[in-house]
Amino acid sequence: AAAYTVWRSIAFVWKGVRCLLHRKLEVEVLDALSITASLLRGDYSTAGSVMFLLTVGSLLEEWTRKKSLDDLARSMALNVDKVWVRTLQGEVLVPLTRVHAGDEVVVRSGNMIPLDGTVLEGEAMVNQAALTAGATVYAGTVVEEGECVLVAKAEGGANRYDKIVAMIEESEKLKSGTENRALLLADRLVPWCLAGTVATYAFTRNVTRAISILMVDFSCALKLSMPLAVLSAMRECGEYHITVKGGKYLEALAKADTIVFDKTGTLTYATPTVAAVIPFGGHDE
């Protein structure tokens, strides 16, 4: 058990050493110190427990992040499962994942265009622009009127989903000022933890109490909570059909006092409803 614990500790200690080699004092240094101190004291059970908790925490962090990305991507996806493909035998309803580049896809009025392509025949009104043969259409737009047959430029399905996820991951680089301050604060806590460890040992001469300071670390919580808060906000905006490309734009929106919308259709829907019926000539409603 002792040999296995030492073997498992190599990866954690190396992360701490690598941070020091890069002249950084980050959370990994605290983890490496607490594990190393436990091993030097021969307290293998404590070292094993620390590594177990760190591994579980890392798994939970990765799972939470992936789930947030997955939920956000799913809310932005087209949600088109099947499309009509024209074949020699006629039109066939097939899953979007089975559509390949060069296939002829039939899109009718009211349907969403499932993937990028070029109009082969027909005439349709897409997003207030009249399109005929030769025009390029884009996935996610809706045929408002008419019917057209398009030649698929690329395969749909998982590729589109991957592109959405990639776009979201790219947007994480556009961090808000609050996120950057939280990350900076997390790194600044590390020297204080080290100072607390030294001070605790100086006053108590108790190694166990000193090591406990290394184990009680709040940097991870700061580093995890802010990105997740932004991802959750982006996902919730997606549920209201609002696309946010980064945390800094959410922060900028909070400071805005005027919003300018560019065209009709942004705030309105092409689905009028009857508000009231006003009868004439003695007729009732």
C-alpha atoms as a PDB file:
ATOM      1  CA  ALA A   1       0.000   0.000   0.000  1.00  0.00           C
ATOM      2  CA  ALA A   2       2.866   2.371   0.843  1.00  0.00           C
ATOM      3  CA  ALA A   3       4.602   1.639  -2.466  1.00  0.00           C
ATOM      4  CA  TYR A   4       1.363   2.210  -4.396  1.00  0.00           C
ATOM      5  CA  THR A   5       0.758   5.504  -2.570  1.00  0.00           C
ATOM      6  CA  VAL A   6       4.269   6.713  -3.421  1.00  0.00           C
ATOM      7  CA  TRP A   7       3.757   5.680  -7.060  1.00  0.00           C
ATOM      8  CA  ARG A   8       0.449   7.560  -7.253  1.00  0.00           C
ATOM      9  CA  SER A   9       2.000  10.654  -5.669  1.00  0.00           C
ATOM     10  CA  ILE A  10       4.566  11.138  -8.464  1.00  0.00           C
ATOM     11  CA  ALA A  11       2.031  12.775 -10.817  1.00  0.00           C
ATOM     12  CA  PHE A  12       0.791  15.209  -8.139  1.00  0.00           C
ATOM     13  CA  VAL A  13       4.295  16.133  -6.973  1.00  0.00           C
ATOM     14  CA  TRP A  14       5.469  16.650 -10.550  1.00  0.00           C
ATOM     15  CA  LYS A  15       2.645  19.142 -11.173  1.00  0.00           C
ATOM     16  CA  GLY A  16       3.820  21.169  -8.177  1.00  0.00           C
ATOM     17  CA  VAL A  17       7.468  21.017  -9.268  1.00  0.00           C
ATOM     18  CA  ARG A  18       6.499  22.079 -12.781  1.00  0.00           C
ATOM     19  CA  CYS A  19       4.729  25.150 -11.396  1.00  0.00           C
ATOM     20  CA  LEU A  20       7.847  26.088  -9.416  1.00  0.00           C
ATOM     21  CA  LEU A  21      10.030  25.593 -12.487  1.00  0.00           C
ATOM     22  CA  HIS A  22       7.795  28.100 -14.274  1.00  0.00           C
ATOM     23  CA  ARG A  23       8.156  30.425 -11.263  1.00  0.00           C
ATOM     24  CA  LYS A  24       4.486  30.166 -10.370  1.00  0.00           C
ATOM     25  CA  LEU A  25       2.831  29.631  -7.002  1.00  0.00           C
ATOM     26  CA  GLU A  26      -0.442  27.928  -7.825  1.00  0.00           C
ATOM     27  CA  VAL A  27      -2.786  25.388  -6.249  1.00  0.00           C
ATOM     28  CA  GLU A  28      -0.715  22.453  -7.524  1.00  0.00           C
ATOM     29  CA  VAL A  29       2.181  23.574  -5.293  1.00  0.00           C
ATOM     30  CA  LEU A  30      -0.035  23.334  -2.186  1.00  0.00           C
ATOM     31  CA  ASP A  31      -1.248  19.878  -3.218  1.00  0.00           C
ATOM     32  CA  ALA A  32       2.290  18.648  -3.831  1.00  0.00           C
ATOM     33  CA  LEU A  33       3.517  20.007  -0.482  1.00  0.00           C
ATOM     34  CA  SER A  34       0.703  18.431   1.533  1.00  0.00           C
ATOM     35  CA  ILE A  35       1.226  15.023  -0.141  1.00  0.00           C
ATOM     36  CA  THR A  36       5.028  15.193   0.187  1.00  0.00           C
ATOM     37  CA  ALA A  37       4.853  16.197   3.860  1.00  0.00           C
ATOM     38  CA  SER A  38       2.483  13.297   4.606  1.00  0.00           C
ATOM     39  CA  LEU A  39       4.777  10.842   2.821  1.00  0.00           C
ATOM     40  CA  LEU A  40       7.875  12.096   4.637  1.00  0.00           C
ATOM     41  CA  ARG A  41       6.085  11.547   7.943  1.00  0.00           C
ATOM     42  CA  GLY A  42       5.164   8.022   6.881  1.00  0.00           C
ATOM     43  CA  ASP A  43       1.478   8.916   6.979  1.00  0.00           C
ATOM     44  CA  TYR A  44       0.530   7.075   3.804  1.00  0.00           C
ATOM     45  CA  SER A  45      -3.178   6.935   4.596  1.00  0.00           C
ATOM     46  CA  THR A  46      -3.393  10.744   4.765  1.00  0.00           C
ATOM     47  CA  ALA A  47      -1.438  11.114   1.519  1.00  0.00           C
ATOM     48  CA  GLY A  48      -3.736   8.571  -0.136  1.00  0.00           C
ATOM     49  CA  SER A  49      -6.841  10.347   1.143  1.00  0.00           C
ATOM     50  CA  VAL A  50      -5.614  13.708  -0.169  1.00  0.00           C
ATOM     51  CA  MET A  51      -4.891  12.245  -3.617  1.00  0.00           C
ATOM     52  CA  PHE A  52      -8.262  10.493  -3.653  1.00  0.00           C
ATOM     53  CA  LEU A  53     -10.121  13.724  -2.838  1.00  0.00           C
ATOM     54  CA  LEU A  54      -8.090  15.671  -5.411  1.00  0.00           C
ATOM     55  CA  THR A  55      -8.891  13.072  -8.086  1.00  0.00           C
ATOM     56  CA  VAL A  56     -12.606  13.088  -7.236  1.00  0.00           C
ATOM     57  CA  GLY A  57     -12.617  16.893  -7.252  1.00  0.00           C
ATOM     58  CA  SER A  58     -10.890  16.981 -10.632  1.00  0.00           C
ATOM     59  CA  LEU A  59     -13.391  14.484 -12.076  1.00  0.00           C
ATOM     60  CA  LEU A  60     -16.342  16.496 -10.741  1.00  0.00           C
ATOM     61  CA  GLU A  61     -14.874  19.707 -12.130  1.00  0.00           C
ATOM     62  CA  GLU A  62     -14.370  18.167 -15.575  1.00  0.00           C
ATOM     63  CA  TRP A  63     -17.822  16.556 -15.550  1.00  0.00           C
ATOM     64  CA  THR A  64     -19.501  19.807 -14.529  1.00  0.00           C
ATOM     65  CA  ARG A  65     -17.673  21.747 -17.222  1.00  0.00           C
ATOM     66  CA  LYS A  66     -18.484  19.200 -19.934  1.00  0.00           C
ATOM     67  CA  LYS A  67     -22.130  19.074 -18.882  1.00  0.00           C
ATOM     68  CA  SER A  68     -22.379  22.878 -18.993  1.00  0.00           C
ATOM     69  CA  LEU A  69     -20.814  22.929 -22.465  1.00  0.00           C
ATOM     70  CA  ASP A  70     -23.062  20.083 -23.601  1.00  0.00           C
ATOM     71  CA  ASP A  71     -26.227  21.777 -22.304  1.00  0.00           C
ATOM     72  CA  LEU A  72     -25.234  25.061 -23.929  1.00  0.00           C
ATOM     73  CA  ALA A  73     -24.406  23.415 -27.257  1.00  0.00           C
ATOM     74  CA  ARG A  74     -27.644  21.431 -27.179  1.00  0.00           C
ATOM     75  CA  SER A  75     -29.675  24.603 -26.607  1.00  0.00           C
ATOM     76  CA  MET A  76     -27.994  26.194 -29.653  1.00  0.00           C
ATOM     77  CA  ALA A  77     -28.285  23.130 -31.894  1.00  0.00           C
ATOM     78  CA  LEU A  78     -30.716  23.043 -34.809  1.00  0.00           C
ATOM     79  CA  ASN A  79     -32.728  20.146 -33.353  1.00  0.00           C
ATOM     80  CA  VAL A  80     -33.433  18.779 -36.836  1.00  0.00           C
ATOM     81  CA  ASP A  81     -33.429  14.978 -36.706  1.00  0.00           C
ATOM     82  CA  LYS A  82     -34.687  13.943 -40.160  1.00  0.00           C
ATOM     83  CA  VAL A  83     -34.750  15.532 -43.628  1.00  0.00           C
ATOM     84  CA  TRP A  84     -36.224  14.705 -47.036  1.00  0.00           C
ATOM     85  CA  VAL A  85     -33.570  13.546 -49.495  1.00  0.00           C
ATOM     86  CA  ARG A  86     -34.372  13.156 -53.195  1.00  0.00           C
ATOM     87  CA  THR A  87     -33.282   9.843 -54.692  1.00  0.00           C
ATOM     88  CA  LEU A  88     -33.947   7.909 -57.909  1.00  0.00           C
ATOM     89  CA  GLN A  89     -36.850   6.201 -56.124  1.00  0.00           C
ATOM     90  CA  GLY A  90     -38.336   9.537 -54.986  1.00  0.00           C
ATOM     91  CA  GLU A  91     -38.146  11.530 -51.776  1.00  0.00           C
ATOM     92  CA  VAL A  92     -36.970   9.581 -48.735  1.00  0.00           C
ATOM     93  CA  LEU A  93     -37.075  10.710 -45.102  1.00  0.00           C
ATOM     94  CA  VAL A  94     -33.637   9.964 -43.602  1.00  0.00           C
ATOM     95  CA  PRO A  95     -31.763  10.953 -40.402  1.00  0.00           C
ATOM     96  CA  LEU A  96     -29.670  14.102 -40.750  1.00  0.00           C
ATOM     97  CA  THR A  97     -26.543  12.135 -39.785  1.00  0.00           C
ATOM     98  CA  ARG A  98     -26.928  10.043 -42.969  1.00  0.00           C
ATOM     99  CA  VAL A  99     -26.891  13.058 -45.304  1.00  0.00           C
ATOM    100  CA  HIS A 100     -23.616  13.373 -47.205  1.00  0.00           C
ATOM    101  CA  ALA A 101     -22.067  16.115 -49.305  1.00  0.00           C
ATOM    102  CA  GLY A 102     -23.712  16.140 -52.734  1.00  0.00           C
ATOM    103  CA  ASP A 103     -27.082  14.789 -51.577  1.00  0.00           C
ATOM    104  CA  GLU A 104     -30.168  16.667 -52.778  1.00  0.00           C
ATOM    105  CA  VAL A 105     -32.271  17.859 -49.831  1.00  0.00           C
ATOM    106  CA  VAL A 106     -35.859  19.090 -50.252  1.00  0.00           C
ATOM    107  CA  VAL A 107     -36.902  21.938 -47.921  1.00  0.00           C
ATOM    108  CA  ARG A 108     -40.479  23.204 -47.923  1.00  0.00           C
ATOM    109  CA  SER A 109     -42.215  26.258 -46.484  1.00  0.00           C
ATOM    110  CA  GLY A 110     -41.927  26.497 -42.717  1.00  0.00           C
ATOM    111  CA  ASN A 111     -39.018  24.057 -42.490  1.00  0.00           C
ATOM    112  CA  MET A 112     -35.539  24.888 -41.259  1.00  0.00           C
ATOM    113  CA  ILE A 113     -32.616  24.441 -43.637  1.00  0.00           C
ATOM    114  CA  PRO A 114     -30.633  21.640 -41.957  1.00  0.00           C
ATOM    115  CA  LEU A 115     -27.189  22.306 -43.463  1.00  0.00           C
ATOM    116  CA  ASP A 116     -25.271  24.610 -45.758  1.00  0.00           C
ATOM    117  CA  GLY A 117     -25.878  24.068 -49.464  1.00  0.00           C
ATOM    118  CA  THR A 118     -26.537  25.485 -52.913  1.00  0.00           C
ATOM    119  CA  VAL A 119     -30.047  25.780 -54.362  1.00  0.00           C
ATOM    120  CA  LEU A 120     -30.435  23.327 -57.244  1.00  0.00           C
ATOM    121  CA  GLU A 121     -33.980  24.211 -58.252  1.00  0.00           C
ATOM    122  CA  GLY A 122     -37.135  25.884 -57.004  1.00  0.00           C
ATOM    123  CA  GLU A 123     -37.807  29.324 -55.613  1.00  0.00           C
ATOM    124  CA  ALA A 124     -38.107  30.186 -51.949  1.00  0.00           C
ATOM    125  CA  MET A 125     -38.146  33.129 -49.576  1.00  0.00           C
ATOM    126  CA  VAL A 126     -35.520  32.641 -46.882  1.00  0.00           C
ATOM    127  CA  ASN A 127     -35.090  35.355 -44.264  1.00  0.00           C
ATOM    128  CA  GLN A 128     -36.786  37.963 -46.491  1.00  0.00           C
ATOM    129  CA  ALA A 129     -34.408  37.276 -49.403  1.00  0.00           C
ATOM    130  CA  ALA A 130     -35.654  35.683 -52.622  1.00  0.00           C
ATOM    131  CA  LEU A 131     -33.488  32.698 -53.564  1.00  0.00           C
ATOM    132  CA  THR A 132     -33.420  30.769 -56.831  1.00  0.00           C
ATOM    133  CA  ALA A 133     -31.068  28.251 -58.446  1.00  0.00           C
ATOM    134  CA  GLY A 134     -27.393  28.893 -57.742  1.00  0.00           C
ATOM    135  CA  ALA A 135     -27.915  30.769 -54.485  1.00  0.00           C
ATOM    136  CA  THR A 136     -26.198  29.641 -51.282  1.00  0.00           C
ATOM    137  CA  VAL A 137     -28.290  28.791 -48.228  1.00  0.00           C
ATOM    138  CA  TYR A 138     -27.110  28.359 -44.656  1.00  0.00           C
ATOM    139  CA  ALA A 139     -28.081  25.931 -41.937  1.00  0.00           C
ATOM    140  CA  GLY A 140     -30.340  27.361 -39.250  1.00  0.00           C
ATOM    141  CA  THR A 141     -32.331  29.661 -41.568  1.00  0.00           C
ATOM    142  CA  VAL A 142     -36.014  28.997 -42.231  1.00  0.00           C
ATOM    143  CA  VAL A 143     -37.844  28.773 -45.561  1.00  0.00           C
ATOM    144  CA  GLU A 144     -40.644  31.294 -45.032  1.00  0.00           C
ATOM    145  CA  GLU A 145     -42.322  30.775 -48.393  1.00  0.00           C
ATOM    146  CA  GLY A 146     -41.963  28.462 -51.379  1.00  0.00           C
ATOM    147  CA  GLU A 147     -39.939  25.287 -51.858  1.00  0.00           C
ATOM    148  CA  CYS A 148     -36.411  24.543 -52.966  1.00  0.00           C
ATOM    149  CA  VAL A 149     -34.072  21.620 -53.565  1.00  0.00           C
ATOM    150  CA  LEU A 150     -30.521  22.171 -52.339  1.00  0.00           C
ATOM    151  CA  VAL A 151     -27.282  20.271 -52.813  1.00  0.00           C
ATOM    152  CA  ALA A 152     -25.587  19.661 -49.482  1.00  0.00           C
ATOM    153  CA  LYS A 153     -22.097  21.146 -49.196  1.00  0.00           C
ATOM    154  CA  ALA A 154     -21.059  19.178 -46.115  1.00  0.00           C
ATOM    155  CA  GLU A 155     -22.362  16.483 -43.850  1.00  0.00           C
ATOM    156  CA  GLY A 156     -24.579  17.531 -40.958  1.00  0.00           C
ATOM    157  CA  GLY A 157     -25.234  15.967 -37.562  1.00  0.00           C
ATOM    158  CA  ALA A 158     -22.263  15.556 -35.277  1.00  0.00           C
ATOM    159  CA  ASN A 159     -20.037  17.934 -37.279  1.00  0.00           C
ATOM    160  CA  ARG A 160     -22.372  20.838 -36.635  1.00  0.00           C
ATOM    161  CA  TYR A 161     -22.576  19.952 -32.954  1.00  0.00           C
ATOM    162  CA  ASP A 162     -18.779  19.867 -32.741  1.00  0.00           C
ATOM    163  CA  LYS A 163     -18.587  23.289 -34.376  1.00  0.00           C
ATOM    164  CA  ILE A 164     -20.982  24.723 -31.808  1.00  0.00           C
ATOM    165  CA  VAL A 165     -18.930  23.249 -28.945  1.00  0.00           C
ATOM    166  CA  ALA A 166     -15.735  24.613 -30.514  1.00  0.00           C
ATOM    167  CA  MET A 167     -17.326  28.047 -30.806  1.00  0.00           C
ATOM    168  CA  ILE A 168     -18.337  27.953 -27.131  1.00  0.00           C
ATOM    169  CA  GLU A 169     -14.861  26.847 -26.040  1.00  0.00           C
ATOM    170  CA  GLU A 170     -13.412  29.668 -28.118  1.00  0.00           C
ATOM    171  CA  SER A 171     -15.800  32.103 -26.442  1.00  0.00           C
ATOM    172  CA  GLU A 172     -14.423  31.103 -23.033  1.00  0.00           C
ATOM    173  CA  LYS A 173     -11.272  32.979 -23.989  1.00  0.00           C
ATOM    174  CA  LEU A 174     -13.351  36.183 -24.015  1.00  0.00           C
ATOM    175  CA  LYS A 175     -13.363  36.259 -20.227  1.00  0.00           C
ATOM    176  CA  SER A 176     -14.993  39.091 -18.343  1.00  0.00           C
ATOM    177  CA  GLY A 177     -13.082  41.337 -15.967  1.00  0.00           C
ATOM    178  CA  THR A 178     -14.755  39.584 -13.022  1.00  0.00           C
ATOM    179  CA  GLU A 179     -13.499  36.185 -14.215  1.00  0.00           C
ATOM    180  CA  ASN A 180      -9.951  37.483 -14.624  1.00  0.00           C
ATOM    181  CA  ARG A 181     -10.009  39.048 -11.156  1.00  0.00           C
ATOM    182  CA  ALA A 182     -11.258  35.781  -9.635  1.00  0.00           C
ATOM    183  CA  LEU A 183      -8.459  33.818 -11.307  1.00  0.00           C
ATOM    184  CA  LEU A 184      -5.911  36.368 -10.134  1.00  0.00           C
ATOM    185  CA  LEU A 185      -7.296  36.235  -6.594  1.00  0.00           C
ATOM    186  CA  ALA A 186      -7.126  32.422  -6.612  1.00  0.00           C
ATOM    187  CA  ASP A 187      -3.409  32.515  -7.425  1.00  0.00           C
ATOM    188  CA  ARG A 188      -2.800  35.219  -4.841  1.00  0.00           C
ATOM    189  CA  LEU A 189      -4.268  33.003  -2.107  1.00  0.00           C
ATOM    190  CA  VAL A 190      -1.490  30.418  -2.525  1.00  0.00           C
ATOM    191  CA  PRO A 191       1.301  32.418  -0.818  1.00  0.00           C
ATOM    192  CA  TRP A 192      -1.086  33.180   2.061  1.00  0.00           C
ATOM    193  CA  CYS A 193      -1.756  29.450   2.494  1.00  0.00           C
ATOM    194  CA  LEU A 194       1.980  28.813   2.597  1.00  0.00           C
ATOM    195  CA  ALA A 195       2.463  31.624   5.106  1.00  0.00           C
ATOM    196  CA  GLY A 196      -0.366  30.205   7.225  1.00  0.00           C
ATOM    197  CA  THR A 197       1.325  26.802   7.209  1.00  0.00           C
ATOM    198  CA  VAL A 198       4.634  28.257   8.370  1.00  0.00           C
ATOM    199  CA  ALA A 199       2.946  30.395  11.040  1.00  0.00           C
ATOM    200  CA  THR A 200       0.890  27.462  12.351  1.00  0.00           C
ATOM    201  CA  TYR A 201       3.980  25.296  12.724  1.00  0.00           C
ATOM    202  CA  ALA A 202       5.902  28.152  14.341  1.00  0.00           C
ATOM    203  CA  PHE A 203       3.209  28.634  17.011  1.00  0.00           C
ATOM    204  CA  THR A 204       2.178  25.014  17.603  1.00  0.00           C
ATOM    205  CA  ARG A 205       5.196  22.926  16.553  1.00  0.00           C
ATOM    206  CA  ASN A 206       2.574  20.477  15.294  1.00  0.00           C
ATOM    207  CA  VAL A 207       3.182  19.166  11.779  1.00  0.00           C
ATOM    208  CA  THR A 208      -0.364  17.786  11.410  1.00  0.00           C
ATOM    209  CA  ARG A 209      -1.932  21.160  12.122  1.00  0.00           C
ATOM    210  CA  ALA A 210       0.501  22.880   9.765  1.00  0.00           C
ATOM    211  CA  ILE A 211      -0.275  20.453   6.932  1.00  0.00           C
ATOM    212  CA  SER A 212      -4.019  20.960   7.463  1.00  0.00           C
ATOM    213  CA  ILE A 213      -3.599  24.569   6.284  1.00  0.00           C
ATOM    214  CA  LEU A 214      -2.301  23.248   2.950  1.00  0.00           C
ATOM    215  CA  MET A 215      -5.321  21.000   2.587  1.00  0.00           C
ATOM    216  CA  VAL A 216      -7.918  23.713   3.225  1.00  0.00           C
ATOM    217  CA  ASP A 217      -7.642  25.618  -0.035  1.00  0.00           C
ATOM    218  CA  PHE A 218     -10.225  27.924  -1.589  1.00  0.00           C
ATOM    219  CA  SER A 219      -8.402  28.654  -4.855  1.00  0.00           C
ATOM    220  CA  CYS A 220     -10.046  25.740  -6.687  1.00  0.00           C
ATOM    221  CA  ALA A 221     -13.508  26.971  -5.744  1.00  0.00           C
ATOM    222  CA  LEU A 222     -12.751  30.429  -7.129  1.00  0.00           C
ATOM    223  CA  LYS A 223     -11.278  29.069 -10.356  1.00  0.00           C
ATOM    224  CA  LEU A 224     -14.243  26.754 -10.930  1.00  0.00           C
ATOM    225  CA  SER A 225     -17.179  28.906  -9.853  1.00  0.00           C
ATOM    226  CA  MET A 226     -16.680  31.911 -12.143  1.00  0.00           C
ATOM    227  CA  PRO A 227     -16.357  30.071 -15.496  1.00  0.00           C
ATOM    228  CA  LEU A 228     -19.320  27.865 -14.559  1.00  0.00           C
ATOM    229  CA  ALA A 229     -21.401  30.916 -13.669  1.00  0.00           C
ATOM    230  CA  VAL A 230     -20.688  32.433 -17.091  1.00  0.00           C
ATOM    231  CA  LEU A 231     -21.367  29.138 -18.915  1.00  0.00           C
ATOM    232  CA  SER A 232     -24.657  28.777 -17.059  1.00  0.00           C
ATOM    233  CA  ALA A 233     -25.652  32.336 -17.970  1.00  0.00           C
ATOM    234  CA  MET A 234     -24.800  31.683 -21.631  1.00  0.00           C
ATOM    235  CA  ARG A 235     -26.847  28.468 -21.550  1.00  0.00           C
ATOM    236  CA  GLU A 236     -29.854  30.220 -20.012  1.00  0.00           C
ATOM    237  CA  CYS A 237     -29.633  32.955 -22.648  1.00  0.00           C
ATOM    238  CA  GLY A 238     -29.631  30.190 -25.260  1.00  0.00           C
ATOM    239  CA  GLU A 239     -32.955  28.943 -23.918  1.00  0.00           C
ATOM    240  CA  TYR A 240     -34.373  32.375 -24.806  1.00  0.00           C
ATOM    241  CA  HIS A 241     -32.771  32.210 -28.289  1.00  0.00           C
ATOM    242  CA  ILE A 242     -30.051  34.695 -27.331  1.00  0.00           C
ATOM    243  CA  THR A 243     -26.493  33.845 -28.396  1.00  0.00           C
ATOM    244  CA  VAL A 244     -23.722  35.167 -26.123  1.00  0.00           C
ATOM    245  CA  LYS A 245     -20.159  34.713 -27.381  1.00  0.00           C
ATOM    246  CA  GLY A 246     -18.281  35.366 -24.147  1.00  0.00           C
ATOM    247  CA  GLY A 247     -18.383  36.498 -20.538  1.00  0.00           C
ATOM    248  CA  LYS A 248     -17.138  39.989 -21.305  1.00  0.00           C
ATOM    249  CA  TYR A 249     -20.263  40.692 -23.367  1.00  0.00           C
ATOM    250  CA  LEU A 250     -22.519  39.768 -20.454  1.00  0.00           C
ATOM    251  CA  GLU A 251     -20.544  42.165 -18.299  1.00  0.00           C
ATOM    252  CA  ALA A 252     -20.778  44.894 -20.936  1.00  0.00           C
ATOM    253  CA  LEU A 253     -24.551  44.386 -21.216  1.00  0.00           C
ATOM    254  CA  ALA A 254     -24.933  45.149 -17.508  1.00  0.00           C
ATOM    255  CA  LYS A 255     -23.473  48.604 -18.155  1.00  0.00           C
ATOM    256  CA  ALA A 256     -25.643  49.355 -21.221  1.00  0.00           C
ATOM    257  CA  ASP A 257     -28.438  51.940 -20.967  1.00  0.00           C
ATOM    258  CA  THR A 258     -29.557  51.823 -24.626  1.00  0.00           C
ATOM    259  CA  ILE A 259     -30.041  48.869 -26.980  1.00  0.00           C
ATOM    260  CA  VAL A 260     -30.411  49.390 -30.746  1.00  0.00           C
ATOM    261  CA  PHE A 261     -32.045  46.641 -32.830  1.00  0.00           C
ATOM    262  CA  ASP A 262     -31.134  46.495 -36.496  1.00  0.00           C
ATOM    263  CA  LYS A 263     -34.234  45.244 -38.325  1.00  0.00           C
ATOM    264  CA  THR A 264     -37.775  43.999 -38.236  1.00  0.00           C
ATOM    265  CA  GLY A 265     -37.911  40.361 -37.267  1.00  0.00           C
ATOM    266  CA  THR A 266     -35.504  40.675 -34.349  1.00  0.00           C
ATOM    267  CA  LEU A 267     -38.268  41.509 -31.901  1.00  0.00           C
ATOM    268  CA  THR A 268     -41.288  40.261 -33.822  1.00  0.00           C
ATOM    269  CA  TYR A 269     -42.616  36.877 -34.927  1.00  0.00           C
ATOM    270  CA  ALA A 270     -44.247  36.053 -38.262  1.00  0.00           C
ATOM    271  CA  THR A 271     -47.183  34.466 -36.435  1.00  0.00           C
ATOM    272  CA  PRO A 272     -49.924  37.091 -35.951  1.00  0.00           C
ATOM    273  CA  THR A 273     -52.720  36.281 -33.502  1.00  0.00           C
ATOM    274  CA  VAL A 274     -56.252  37.630 -33.177  1.00  0.00           C
ATOM    275  CA  ALA A 275     -56.343  40.220 -30.416  1.00  0.00           C
ATOM    276  CA  ALA A 276     -60.061  41.079 -30.676  1.00  0.00           C
ATOM    277  CA  VAL A 277     -63.082  40.592 -32.930  1.00  0.00           C
ATOM    278  CA  ILE A 278     -65.137  43.735 -33.592  1.00  0.00           C
ATOM    279  CA  PRO A 279     -68.517  42.836 -35.173  1.00  0.00           C
ATOM    280  CA  PHE A 280     -70.596  45.071 -37.486  1.00  0.00           C
ATOM    281  CA  GLY A 281     -74.186  45.066 -38.691  1.00  0.00           C
ATOM    282  CA  GLY A 282     -75.625  43.593 -35.504  1.00  0.00           C
ATOM    283  CA  HIS A 283     -73.597  40.376 -35.730  1.00  0.00           C
ATOM    284  CA  ASP A 284     -72.040  38.941 -32.583  1.00  0.00           C
ATOM    285  CA  GLU A 285     -68.389  37.932 -32.317  1.00  0.00           C
END
